[in-house]
């Protein structure tokens, strides 16, 4: 279910909904428990990033990163300015 969500969710809100559907209180539980990417797949993903149009993939990535940082701040996992 998590791997399917990683492939199909295009916004932080969609991934959050998938996380909640799995019974996780926080999306970080989903990321930290199931977020590991096999080394081979990691290489494929990184290689393909060079082929992504900045406006489509980049904006979604920025949104996901910002949502993750906001959540980590809210949970006290990091401090502002760290």
C-alpha atoms as a PDB file:
ATOM      1  CA  UNK A   1       0.000   0.000   0.000  1.00  0.00           C
ATOM      2  CA  UNK A   2       2.783   2.425   0.858  1.00  0.00           C
ATOM      3  CA  UNK A   3       4.740   1.726  -2.317  1.00  0.00           C
ATOM      4  CA  UNK A   4       1.564   2.242  -4.350  1.00  0.00           C
ATOM      5  CA  UNK A   5       1.040   5.552  -2.579  1.00  0.00           C
ATOM      6  CA  UNK A   6       4.607   6.589  -3.304  1.00  0.00           C
ATOM      7  CA  UNK A   7       3.952   6.018  -6.991  1.00  0.00           C
ATOM      8  CA  UNK A   8       0.436   7.431  -7.272  1.00  0.00           C
ATOM      9  CA  UNK A   9       0.189  10.293  -4.771  1.00  0.00           C
ATOM     10  CA  UNK A  10       1.032  13.574  -6.422  1.00  0.00           C
ATOM     11  CA  UNK A  11       0.488  15.978  -3.521  1.00  0.00           C
ATOM     12  CA  UNK A  12       1.357  15.982   0.183  1.00  0.00           C
ATOM     13  CA  UNK A  13      -2.379  15.953   0.956  1.00  0.00           C
ATOM     14  CA  UNK A  14      -2.883  12.763  -1.059  1.00  0.00           C
ATOM     15  CA  UNK A  15       0.009  11.051   0.710  1.00  0.00           C
ATOM     16  CA  UNK A  16      -1.293  12.226   4.085  1.00  0.00           C
ATOM     17  CA  UNK A  17      -4.696  10.704   3.276  1.00  0.00           C
ATOM     18  CA  UNK A  18      -3.004   7.435   2.317  1.00  0.00           C
ATOM     19  CA  UNK A  19      -0.997   7.525   5.562  1.00  0.00           C
ATOM     20  CA  UNK A  20      -4.128   8.095   7.643  1.00  0.00           C
ATOM     21  CA  UNK A  21      -5.865   5.264   5.779  1.00  0.00           C
ATOM     22  CA  UNK A  22      -3.070   2.978   6.986  1.00  0.00           C
ATOM     23  CA  UNK A  23      -3.848   4.032  10.563  1.00  0.00           C
ATOM     24  CA  UNK A  24      -0.787   6.212  11.001  1.00  0.00           C
ATOM     25  CA  UNK A  25      -1.265   9.346  13.080  1.00  0.00           C
ATOM     26  CA  UNK A  26       1.509  11.124  11.239  1.00  0.00           C
ATOM     27  CA  UNK A  27       2.837  10.932   7.722  1.00  0.00           C
ATOM     28  CA  UNK A  28       6.343  10.605   9.180  1.00  0.00           C
ATOM     29  CA  UNK A  29       5.381   7.175  10.486  1.00  0.00           C
ATOM     30  CA  UNK A  30       4.678   6.134   6.924  1.00  0.00           C
ATOM     31  CA  UNK A  31       7.921   7.640   5.633  1.00  0.00           C
ATOM     32  CA  UNK A  32      10.160   6.289   8.374  1.00  0.00           C
ATOM     33  CA  UNK A  33       8.597   2.831   8.599  1.00  0.00           C
ATOM     34  CA  UNK A  34       8.134   2.074   4.928  1.00  0.00           C
ATOM     35  CA  UNK A  35      10.037   4.774   3.098  1.00  0.00           C
ATOM     36  CA  UNK A  36      13.234   2.873   2.310  1.00  0.00           C
ATOM     37  CA  UNK A  37      14.088   2.714  -1.363  1.00  0.00           C
ATOM     38  CA  UNK A  38      16.188  -0.145  -2.702  1.00  0.00           C
ATOM     39  CA  UNK A  39      19.672   1.007  -3.784  1.00  0.00           C
ATOM     40  CA  UNK A  40      19.074   0.094  -7.429  1.00  0.00           C
ATOM     41  CA  UNK A  41      15.754   1.956  -7.510  1.00  0.00           C
ATOM     42  CA  UNK A  42      17.360   4.922  -5.756  1.00  0.00           C
ATOM     43  CA  UNK A  43      19.881   5.163  -8.575  1.00  0.00           C
ATOM     44  CA  UNK A  44      17.124   4.978 -11.189  1.00  0.00           C
ATOM     45  CA  UNK A  45      15.161   7.735  -9.463  1.00  0.00           C
ATOM     46  CA  UNK A  46      18.153  10.040  -9.095  1.00  0.00           C
ATOM     47  CA  UNK A  47      19.144   9.442 -12.710  1.00  0.00           C
ATOM     48  CA  UNK A  48      15.615  10.228 -13.915  1.00  0.00           C
ATOM     49  CA  UNK A  49      15.475  13.515 -11.984  1.00  0.00           C
ATOM     50  CA  UNK A  50      17.680  15.070 -14.627  1.00  0.00           C
ATOM     51  CA  UNK A  51      14.972  14.337 -17.182  1.00  0.00           C
ATOM     52  CA  UNK A  52      12.082  15.860 -15.215  1.00  0.00           C
ATOM     53  CA  UNK A  53      10.658  19.210 -16.238  1.00  0.00           C
ATOM     54  CA  UNK A  54      11.397  21.573 -13.347  1.00  0.00           C
ATOM     55  CA  UNK A  55       7.922  23.095 -13.228  1.00  0.00           C
ATOM     56  CA  UNK A  56       5.982  19.845 -12.816  1.00  0.00           C
ATOM     57  CA  UNK A  57       8.149  17.524 -10.699  1.00  0.00           C
ATOM     58  CA  UNK A  58      10.038  20.305  -8.919  1.00  0.00           C
ATOM     59  CA  UNK A  59       6.945  22.040  -7.616  1.00  0.00           C
ATOM     60  CA  UNK A  60       5.475  18.810  -6.253  1.00  0.00           C
ATOM     61  CA  UNK A  61       8.790  17.928  -4.629  1.00  0.00           C
ATOM     62  CA  UNK A  62       8.995  21.373  -3.027  1.00  0.00           C
ATOM     63  CA  UNK A  63       5.445  21.031  -1.687  1.00  0.00           C
ATOM     64  CA  UNK A  64       6.217  17.628  -0.186  1.00  0.00           C
ATOM     65  CA  UNK A  65       9.457  18.868   1.375  1.00  0.00           C
ATOM     66  CA  UNK A  66       7.755  21.928   2.868  1.00  0.00           C
ATOM     67  CA  UNK A  67       4.940  19.796   4.291  1.00  0.00           C
ATOM     68  CA  UNK A  68       7.480  17.411   5.798  1.00  0.00           C
ATOM     69  CA  UNK A  69       9.419  20.242   7.434  1.00  0.00           C
ATOM     70  CA  UNK A  70       6.216  21.791   8.821  1.00  0.00           C
ATOM     71  CA  UNK A  71       5.230  18.426  10.302  1.00  0.00           C
ATOM     72  CA  UNK A  72       8.669  17.859  11.807  1.00  0.00           C
ATOM     73  CA  UNK A  73       8.553  21.331  13.369  1.00  0.00           C
ATOM     74  CA  UNK A  74       5.060  20.687  14.747  1.00  0.00           C
ATOM     75  CA  UNK A  75       6.216  17.389  16.287  1.00  0.00           C
ATOM     76  CA  UNK A  76       9.286  19.033  17.798  1.00  0.00           C
ATOM     77  CA  UNK A  77      11.637  16.785  15.843  1.00  0.00           C
ATOM     78  CA  UNK A  78      13.575  19.829  14.656  1.00  0.00           C
ATOM     79  CA  UNK A  79      13.811  23.395  15.839  1.00  0.00           C
ATOM     80  CA  UNK A  80      13.229  26.418  13.662  1.00  0.00           C
ATOM     81  CA  UNK A  81      16.525  27.585  12.197  1.00  0.00           C
ATOM     82  CA  UNK A  82      18.164  24.153  12.589  1.00  0.00           C
END
